[in-house]
Amino acid sequence: MDVIATNNGSSNVGILLGYGNGSFASSIMYLTESSSSISIAICDLNKDNRLNIVLINNDTNRIDILLGYDEGFPMQTEYAIGSDPNCGVVRDFNNDTVVDIATTNQYGNTISIFLGYRTDLLQQKLTLSLAKLLPLVLLGTLIMIE
């Protein structure tokens, strides 16, 4: 088992790789564009059988994605989201076996949804406006109507 942690106030994320006996290697730090990551998820976004790190950042209003490779997370991709995100969920919302990302955005009273795509990391953002945004946990199935 490994451990990953965001470091509030610092523009990095720390990873401790487990040895399998209850002890860990020294932390490995990866730079991010944010000093205020409020949500973190681990998943395989690009279907390459390697785990990726998804960070939801409320100071930059962006999602940082650190793509996993054999020796770490050397590649970072960013996506703009709504104003002051306060919650994020990574899940396959539309049942296409590709992971999607959703965030609630407090000051814009919106939900941002990025659908995963087989030939690219994420599709263009879908924004849903709400009259008032309450603290939400986003779970469930998104039904796409064409």
N, C-alpha and C. Protein backbone atom coordinates (compact mmCIF):
# COMPACT_ATOMS: atom_id res chain seq x y z
N MET A 1 0.84 -1.17 0.00
CA MET A 1 0.00 0.00 0.00
C MET A 1 0.89 1.24 0.00
N ASP A 2 0.49 2.22 -0.76
CA ASP A 2 1.20 3.49 -0.85
C ASP A 2 0.33 4.59 -0.25
N VAL A 3 0.95 5.74 0.03
CA VAL A 3 0.23 6.88 0.60
C VAL A 3 0.51 8.09 -0.28
N ILE A 4 -0.54 8.88 -0.53
CA ILE A 4 -0.38 10.13 -1.26
C ILE A 4 -1.05 11.23 -0.45
N ALA A 5 -0.42 12.42 -0.41
CA ALA A 5 -0.98 13.52 0.37
C ALA A 5 -0.71 14.84 -0.34
N THR A 6 -1.71 15.72 -0.31
CA THR A 6 -1.49 17.08 -0.79
C THR A 6 -0.89 17.87 0.36
N ASN A 7 -0.14 18.88 0.04
CA ASN A 7 0.52 19.70 1.06
C ASN A 7 -0.04 21.11 0.96
N ASN A 8 -1.08 21.40 1.75
CA ASN A 8 -1.72 22.70 1.72
C ASN A 8 -0.71 23.80 2.04
N GLY A 9 -0.65 24.81 1.20
CA GLY A 9 0.31 25.89 1.38
C GLY A 9 1.59 25.69 0.58
N SER A 10 1.78 24.51 0.04
CA SER A 10 2.94 24.21 -0.80
C SER A 10 2.45 23.72 -2.15
N SER A 11 3.18 24.02 -3.18
CA SER A 11 2.77 23.62 -4.53
C SER A 11 3.33 22.25 -4.88
N ASN A 12 2.93 21.25 -4.08
CA ASN A 12 3.40 19.89 -4.36
C ASN A 12 2.48 18.86 -3.75
N VAL A 13 2.70 17.63 -4.16
CA VAL A 13 2.01 16.48 -3.60
C VAL A 13 3.09 15.47 -3.24
N GLY A 14 2.91 14.80 -2.11
CA GLY A 14 3.91 13.83 -1.66
C GLY A 14 3.40 12.40 -1.77
N ILE A 15 4.27 11.51 -2.21
CA ILE A 15 3.93 10.09 -2.34
C ILE A 15 4.92 9.28 -1.53
N LEU A 16 4.39 8.38 -0.71
CA LEU A 16 5.22 7.44 0.04
C LEU A 16 4.92 6.04 -0.48
N LEU A 17 5.90 5.42 -1.08
CA LEU A 17 5.72 4.07 -1.62
C LEU A 17 5.91 3.06 -0.51
N GLY A 18 4.97 2.14 -0.39
CA GLY A 18 5.03 1.13 0.66
C GLY A 18 5.91 -0.05 0.26
N TYR A 19 6.59 -0.60 1.25
CA TYR A 19 7.42 -1.78 1.03
C TYR A 19 6.62 -3.08 1.14
N GLY A 20 5.37 -3.00 1.64
CA GLY A 20 4.55 -4.19 1.79
C GLY A 20 4.65 -4.82 3.17
N ASN A 21 5.46 -4.24 4.04
CA ASN A 21 5.63 -4.77 5.39
C ASN A 21 5.22 -3.76 6.46
N GLY A 22 4.48 -2.71 6.04
CA GLY A 22 4.05 -1.69 6.98
C GLY A 22 4.98 -0.49 7.04
N SER A 23 6.09 -0.53 6.33
CA SER A 23 7.01 0.62 6.31
C SER A 23 7.01 1.25 4.91
N PHE A 24 7.54 2.47 4.85
CA PHE A 24 7.48 3.24 3.61
C PHE A 24 8.85 3.80 3.25
N ALA A 25 9.05 4.00 1.96
CA ALA A 25 10.25 4.68 1.47
C ALA A 25 10.11 6.17 1.78
N SER A 26 11.18 6.91 1.62
CA SER A 26 11.13 8.36 1.80
C SER A 26 10.15 8.96 0.80
N SER A 27 9.55 10.07 1.17
CA SER A 27 8.53 10.68 0.30
C SER A 27 9.16 11.22 -0.98
N ILE A 28 8.40 11.11 -2.04
CA ILE A 28 8.77 11.67 -3.34
C ILE A 28 7.82 12.84 -3.57
N MET A 29 8.36 14.01 -3.85
CA MET A 29 7.54 15.20 -4.04
C MET A 29 7.40 15.52 -5.52
N TYR A 30 6.17 15.83 -5.94
CA TYR A 30 5.90 16.24 -7.32
C TYR A 30 5.30 17.64 -7.29
N LEU A 31 5.86 18.53 -8.09
CA LEU A 31 5.36 19.90 -8.15
C LEU A 31 4.00 19.95 -8.84
N THR A 32 3.15 20.84 -8.34
CA THR A 32 1.86 21.11 -8.95
C THR A 32 1.76 22.61 -9.18
N GLU A 33 0.71 23.04 -9.83
CA GLU A 33 0.51 24.47 -10.08
C GLU A 33 -0.29 25.12 -8.96
N SER A 34 -0.64 24.37 -7.92
CA SER A 34 -1.53 24.87 -6.88
C SER A 34 -0.93 24.67 -5.50
N SER A 35 -1.21 25.60 -4.60
CA SER A 35 -0.84 25.43 -3.20
C SER A 35 -2.07 25.14 -2.34
N SER A 36 -3.19 24.84 -2.99
CA SER A 36 -4.42 24.58 -2.26
C SER A 36 -5.25 23.51 -2.97
N SER A 37 -4.73 22.29 -2.99
CA SER A 37 -5.48 21.17 -3.56
C SER A 37 -6.46 20.68 -2.51
N ILE A 38 -7.75 20.71 -2.83
CA ILE A 38 -8.78 20.38 -1.83
C ILE A 38 -9.35 18.99 -1.99
N SER A 39 -9.03 18.33 -3.10
CA SER A 39 -9.54 16.98 -3.32
C SER A 39 -8.52 16.22 -4.16
N ILE A 40 -8.40 14.93 -3.88
CA ILE A 40 -7.43 14.10 -4.59
C ILE A 40 -8.08 12.77 -4.93
N ALA A 41 -7.73 12.22 -6.07
CA ALA A 41 -8.24 10.91 -6.48
C ALA A 41 -7.15 10.18 -7.25
N ILE A 42 -7.21 8.87 -7.19
CA ILE A 42 -6.30 8.00 -7.93
C ILE A 42 -7.15 7.14 -8.86
N CYS A 43 -6.80 7.12 -10.14
CA CYS A 43 -7.55 6.32 -11.11
C CYS A 43 -6.72 6.18 -12.38
N ASP A 44 -7.19 5.35 -13.29
CA ASP A 44 -6.55 5.20 -14.60
C ASP A 44 -7.39 5.97 -15.62
N LEU A 45 -7.05 7.23 -15.84
CA LEU A 45 -7.83 8.08 -16.74
C LEU A 45 -7.64 7.75 -18.21
N ASN A 46 -6.45 7.35 -18.59
CA ASN A 46 -6.15 7.17 -20.02
C ASN A 46 -6.06 5.71 -20.45
N LYS A 47 -6.58 4.81 -19.64
CA LYS A 47 -6.71 3.39 -19.99
C LYS A 47 -5.37 2.74 -20.40
N ASP A 48 -4.27 3.14 -19.70
CA ASP A 48 -2.98 2.54 -20.00
C ASP A 48 -2.53 1.57 -18.90
N ASN A 49 -3.44 1.24 -17.99
CA ASN A 49 -3.17 0.34 -16.86
C ASN A 49 -2.15 0.90 -15.89
N ARG A 50 -2.01 2.23 -15.86
CA ARG A 50 -1.16 2.90 -14.87
C ARG A 50 -2.03 3.92 -14.14
N LEU A 51 -1.83 4.03 -12.83
CA LEU A 51 -2.63 4.96 -12.05
C LEU A 51 -2.19 6.39 -12.29
N ASN A 52 -3.16 7.29 -12.30
CA ASN A 52 -2.94 8.72 -12.44
C ASN A 52 -3.44 9.41 -11.18
N ILE A 53 -2.93 10.61 -10.93
CA ILE A 53 -3.35 11.40 -9.78
C ILE A 53 -4.17 12.59 -10.29
N VAL A 54 -5.35 12.78 -9.70
CA VAL A 54 -6.22 13.90 -10.04
C VAL A 54 -6.31 14.81 -8.82
N LEU A 55 -5.95 16.08 -8.99
CA LEU A 55 -6.01 17.07 -7.92
C LEU A 55 -7.02 18.15 -8.30
N ILE A 56 -7.94 18.48 -7.39
CA ILE A 56 -8.89 19.57 -7.58
C ILE A 56 -8.35 20.75 -6.78
N ASN A 57 -8.10 21.87 -7.45
CA ASN A 57 -7.44 23.02 -6.83
C ASN A 57 -8.37 24.22 -6.77
N ASN A 58 -8.58 24.76 -5.55
CA ASN A 58 -9.50 25.90 -5.47
C ASN A 58 -8.80 27.25 -5.52
N ASP A 59 -7.47 27.30 -5.52
CA ASP A 59 -6.80 28.59 -5.68
C ASP A 59 -6.54 28.92 -7.15
N THR A 60 -6.42 27.91 -7.99
CA THR A 60 -6.19 28.14 -9.42
C THR A 60 -7.42 27.83 -10.26
N ASN A 61 -8.47 27.27 -9.62
CA ASN A 61 -9.69 26.87 -10.33
C ASN A 61 -9.37 25.93 -11.49
N ARG A 62 -8.52 24.95 -11.18
CA ARG A 62 -8.08 24.00 -12.20
C ARG A 62 -8.02 22.60 -11.62
N ILE A 63 -8.07 21.63 -12.53
CA ILE A 63 -7.78 20.24 -12.21
C ILE A 63 -6.36 19.97 -12.69
N ASP A 64 -5.52 19.44 -11.82
CA ASP A 64 -4.19 18.97 -12.22
C ASP A 64 -4.26 17.46 -12.34
N ILE A 65 -3.75 16.93 -13.44
CA ILE A 65 -3.67 15.48 -13.63
C ILE A 65 -2.21 15.11 -13.81
N LEU A 66 -1.71 14.27 -12.92
CA LEU A 66 -0.36 13.75 -13.03
C LEU A 66 -0.46 12.35 -13.61
N LEU A 67 0.03 12.19 -14.82
CA LEU A 67 -0.07 10.91 -15.52
C LEU A 67 1.02 9.97 -15.03
N GLY A 68 0.62 8.78 -14.63
CA GLY A 68 1.55 7.79 -14.11
C GLY A 68 2.30 7.07 -15.22
N TYR A 69 3.59 6.89 -15.00
CA TYR A 69 4.43 6.10 -15.88
C TYR A 69 5.22 5.13 -15.02
N ASP A 70 6.08 4.35 -15.60
CA ASP A 70 6.81 3.32 -14.86
C ASP A 70 7.57 3.87 -13.66
N GLU A 71 8.19 5.01 -13.81
CA GLU A 71 9.04 5.56 -12.75
C GLU A 71 8.46 6.80 -12.09
N GLY A 72 7.16 6.93 -12.03
CA GLY A 72 6.58 8.07 -11.34
C GLY A 72 5.53 8.79 -12.15
N PHE A 73 5.47 10.11 -11.96
CA PHE A 73 4.44 10.96 -12.56
C PHE A 73 5.08 12.17 -13.23
N PRO A 74 5.82 11.97 -14.31
CA PRO A 74 6.57 13.08 -14.91
C PRO A 74 5.72 14.04 -15.74
N MET A 75 4.51 13.68 -16.09
CA MET A 75 3.72 14.50 -17.00
C MET A 75 2.49 15.06 -16.30
N GLN A 76 2.27 16.36 -16.44
CA GLN A 76 1.12 17.01 -15.81
C GLN A 76 0.26 17.70 -16.86
N THR A 77 -1.05 17.55 -16.73
CA THR A 77 -2.02 18.18 -17.61
C THR A 77 -2.98 18.97 -16.74
N GLU A 78 -3.46 20.11 -17.23
CA GLU A 78 -4.38 20.95 -16.48
C GLU A 78 -5.66 21.20 -17.26
N TYR A 79 -6.76 21.34 -16.52
CA TYR A 79 -8.05 21.68 -17.11
C TYR A 79 -8.69 22.76 -16.24
N ALA A 80 -9.23 23.81 -16.86
CA ALA A 80 -9.92 24.87 -16.12
C ALA A 80 -11.29 24.37 -15.69
N ILE A 81 -11.66 24.72 -14.45
CA ILE A 81 -12.99 24.37 -13.93
C ILE A 81 -13.67 25.64 -13.46
N GLY A 82 -14.79 25.54 -12.79
CA GLY A 82 -15.53 26.70 -12.33
C GLY A 82 -14.87 27.40 -11.16
N SER A 83 -15.49 28.47 -10.70
CA SER A 83 -14.95 29.33 -9.66
C SER A 83 -15.05 28.69 -8.27
N ASP A 84 -13.91 28.56 -7.61
CA ASP A 84 -13.78 28.05 -6.25
C ASP A 84 -14.38 26.65 -6.08
N PRO A 85 -13.78 25.65 -6.71
CA PRO A 85 -14.28 24.29 -6.53
C PRO A 85 -14.17 23.86 -5.07
N ASN A 86 -15.17 23.14 -4.59
CA ASN A 86 -15.13 22.70 -3.20
C ASN A 86 -15.34 21.20 -3.03
N CYS A 87 -15.53 20.48 -4.13
CA CYS A 87 -15.70 19.03 -4.05
C CYS A 87 -15.41 18.44 -5.42
N GLY A 88 -14.84 17.26 -5.45
CA GLY A 88 -14.58 16.60 -6.72
C GLY A 88 -14.78 15.10 -6.61
N VAL A 89 -15.22 14.50 -7.70
CA VAL A 89 -15.45 13.06 -7.75
C VAL A 89 -14.93 12.54 -9.07
N VAL A 90 -14.28 11.37 -9.01
CA VAL A 90 -13.81 10.68 -10.21
C VAL A 90 -14.56 9.37 -10.30
N ARG A 91 -15.27 9.18 -11.42
CA ARG A 91 -16.11 7.99 -11.57
C ARG A 91 -16.56 7.88 -13.03
N ASP A 92 -16.97 6.72 -13.45
CA ASP A 92 -17.52 6.54 -14.79
C ASP A 92 -19.01 6.90 -14.74
N PHE A 93 -19.34 8.15 -15.04
CA PHE A 93 -20.71 8.63 -14.93
C PHE A 93 -21.62 8.14 -16.04
N ASN A 94 -21.09 7.94 -17.23
CA ASN A 94 -21.94 7.59 -18.37
C ASN A 94 -21.78 6.14 -18.83
N ASN A 95 -21.20 5.31 -17.99
CA ASN A 95 -21.12 3.86 -18.22
C ASN A 95 -20.46 3.47 -19.54
N ASP A 96 -19.40 4.20 -19.92
CA ASP A 96 -18.67 3.84 -21.14
C ASP A 96 -17.32 3.20 -20.82
N THR A 97 -17.09 2.84 -19.57
CA THR A 97 -15.86 2.22 -19.03
C THR A 97 -14.67 3.16 -19.02
N VAL A 98 -14.89 4.45 -19.27
CA VAL A 98 -13.83 5.46 -19.20
C VAL A 98 -14.16 6.38 -18.03
N VAL A 99 -13.16 6.68 -17.21
CA VAL A 99 -13.36 7.49 -16.00
C VAL A 99 -13.65 8.95 -16.38
N ASP A 100 -14.59 9.56 -15.65
CA ASP A 100 -14.98 10.96 -15.83
C ASP A 100 -14.67 11.72 -14.54
N ILE A 101 -14.66 13.06 -14.60
CA ILE A 101 -14.39 13.89 -13.43
C ILE A 101 -15.50 14.92 -13.30
N ALA A 102 -15.98 15.14 -12.07
CA ALA A 102 -16.98 16.18 -11.80
C ALA A 102 -16.55 16.98 -10.58
N THR A 103 -16.81 18.29 -10.60
CA THR A 103 -16.53 19.15 -9.46
C THR A 103 -17.73 20.03 -9.18
N THR A 104 -17.92 20.38 -7.92
CA THR A 104 -18.88 21.43 -7.57
C THR A 104 -18.07 22.70 -7.40
N ASN A 105 -18.62 23.83 -7.86
CA ASN A 105 -17.91 25.10 -7.86
C ASN A 105 -18.73 26.12 -7.08
N GLN A 106 -18.28 26.42 -5.89
CA GLN A 106 -19.06 27.16 -4.90
C GLN A 106 -19.50 28.54 -5.38
N TYR A 107 -18.59 29.39 -5.82
CA TYR A 107 -18.97 30.77 -6.13
C TYR A 107 -19.70 30.93 -7.45
N GLY A 108 -19.52 30.00 -8.34
CA GLY A 108 -20.24 30.07 -9.61
C GLY A 108 -21.56 29.33 -9.58
N ASN A 109 -21.85 28.63 -8.46
CA ASN A 109 -23.06 27.81 -8.35
C ASN A 109 -23.19 26.87 -9.55
N THR A 110 -22.09 26.19 -9.87
CA THR A 110 -22.07 25.30 -11.02
C THR A 110 -21.47 23.95 -10.66
N ILE A 111 -21.73 23.00 -11.53
CA ILE A 111 -21.06 21.70 -11.50
C ILE A 111 -20.34 21.56 -12.83
N SER A 112 -19.05 21.25 -12.79
CA SER A 112 -18.27 21.01 -14.01
C SER A 112 -18.10 19.52 -14.19
N ILE A 113 -18.38 19.03 -15.39
CA ILE A 113 -18.22 17.61 -15.69
C ILE A 113 -17.31 17.47 -16.91
N PHE A 114 -16.27 16.67 -16.75
CA PHE A 114 -15.37 16.33 -17.84
C PHE A 114 -15.55 14.84 -18.12
N LEU A 115 -16.02 14.51 -19.30
CA LEU A 115 -16.18 13.11 -19.66
C LEU A 115 -14.88 12.58 -20.22
N GLY A 116 -14.48 11.41 -19.74
CA GLY A 116 -13.29 10.76 -20.26
C GLY A 116 -13.52 10.32 -21.70
N TYR A 117 -12.44 10.24 -22.43
CA TYR A 117 -12.54 9.93 -23.85
C TYR A 117 -11.47 8.92 -24.20
N ARG A 118 -11.77 7.99 -25.06
CA ARG A 118 -10.84 6.90 -25.38
C ARG A 118 -9.57 7.35 -26.09
N THR A 119 -9.63 8.39 -26.91
CA THR A 119 -8.45 8.79 -27.67
C THR A 119 -7.77 10.04 -27.11
N ASP A 120 -8.35 10.65 -26.11
CA ASP A 120 -7.76 11.81 -25.46
C ASP A 120 -8.09 11.68 -23.99
N LEU A 121 -7.46 12.48 -23.15
CA LEU A 121 -7.66 12.34 -21.72
C LEU A 121 -9.09 12.69 -21.31
N LEU A 122 -9.53 13.91 -21.59
CA LEU A 122 -10.88 14.35 -21.23
C LEU A 122 -11.49 15.14 -22.36
N GLN A 123 -12.81 15.06 -22.48
CA GLN A 123 -13.52 15.87 -23.46
C GLN A 123 -13.74 17.26 -22.89
N GLN A 124 -14.29 18.13 -23.70
CA GLN A 124 -14.60 19.48 -23.28
C GLN A 124 -15.54 19.47 -22.08
N LYS A 125 -15.38 20.46 -21.23
CA LYS A 125 -16.16 20.57 -20.00
C LYS A 125 -17.63 20.85 -20.28
N LEU A 126 -18.49 20.18 -19.53
CA LEU A 126 -19.92 20.45 -19.51
C LEU A 126 -20.21 21.17 -18.20
N THR A 127 -20.86 22.33 -18.25
CA THR A 127 -21.15 23.10 -17.05
C THR A 127 -22.65 23.12 -16.81
N LEU A 128 -23.05 22.74 -15.60
CA LEU A 128 -24.44 22.78 -15.19
C LEU A 128 -24.61 23.88 -14.16
N SER A 129 -25.54 24.79 -14.39
CA SER A 129 -25.79 25.90 -13.46
C SER A 129 -26.88 25.52 -12.48
N LEU A 130 -26.71 25.96 -11.24
CA LEU A 130 -27.68 25.71 -10.18
C LEU A 130 -28.09 27.03 -9.57
N ALA A 131 -29.32 27.11 -9.06
CA ALA A 131 -29.78 28.34 -8.42
C ALA A 131 -28.96 28.61 -7.16
N LYS A 132 -28.69 27.57 -6.40
CA LYS A 132 -27.88 27.69 -5.19
C LYS A 132 -27.13 26.39 -5.02
N LEU A 133 -25.86 26.50 -4.74
CA LEU A 133 -25.04 25.31 -4.60
C LEU A 133 -24.86 24.99 -3.12
N LEU A 134 -25.34 23.85 -2.72
CA LEU A 134 -25.14 23.37 -1.36
C LEU A 134 -23.93 22.46 -1.37
N PRO A 135 -23.32 22.22 -0.20
CA PRO A 135 -22.22 21.25 -0.18
C PRO A 135 -22.73 19.91 -0.70
N LEU A 136 -22.10 19.41 -1.73
CA LEU A 136 -22.57 18.20 -2.40
C LEU A 136 -21.48 17.14 -2.47
N VAL A 137 -21.92 15.92 -2.47
CA VAL A 137 -21.07 14.82 -2.87
C VAL A 137 -21.67 14.30 -4.16
N LEU A 138 -20.87 14.25 -5.20
CA LEU A 138 -21.36 13.89 -6.52
C LEU A 138 -21.18 12.41 -6.76
N LEU A 139 -22.26 11.67 -6.74
CA LEU A 139 -22.22 10.24 -7.03
C LEU A 139 -23.45 9.88 -7.82
N GLY A 140 -23.34 8.85 -8.63
CA GLY A 140 -24.50 8.40 -9.37
C GLY A 140 -24.19 8.23 -10.83
N THR A 141 -25.22 8.02 -11.60
CA THR A 141 -25.08 7.78 -13.02
C THR A 141 -25.58 8.99 -13.79
N LEU A 142 -24.76 9.47 -14.69
CA LEU A 142 -25.15 10.56 -15.56
C LEU A 142 -25.72 9.96 -16.83
N ILE A 143 -26.94 10.32 -17.15
CA ILE A 143 -27.59 9.80 -18.35
C ILE A 143 -27.44 10.85 -19.45
N MET A 144 -26.78 10.48 -20.52
CA MET A 144 -26.55 11.39 -21.64
C MET A 144 -27.67 11.21 -22.66
N ILE A 145 -28.32 12.30 -23.02
CA ILE A 145 -29.38 12.26 -24.02
C ILE A 145 -28.86 12.95 -25.27
N GLU A 146 -28.88 12.24 -26.37
CA GLU A 146 -28.37 12.83 -27.62
C GLU A 146 -29.50 13.24 -28.52
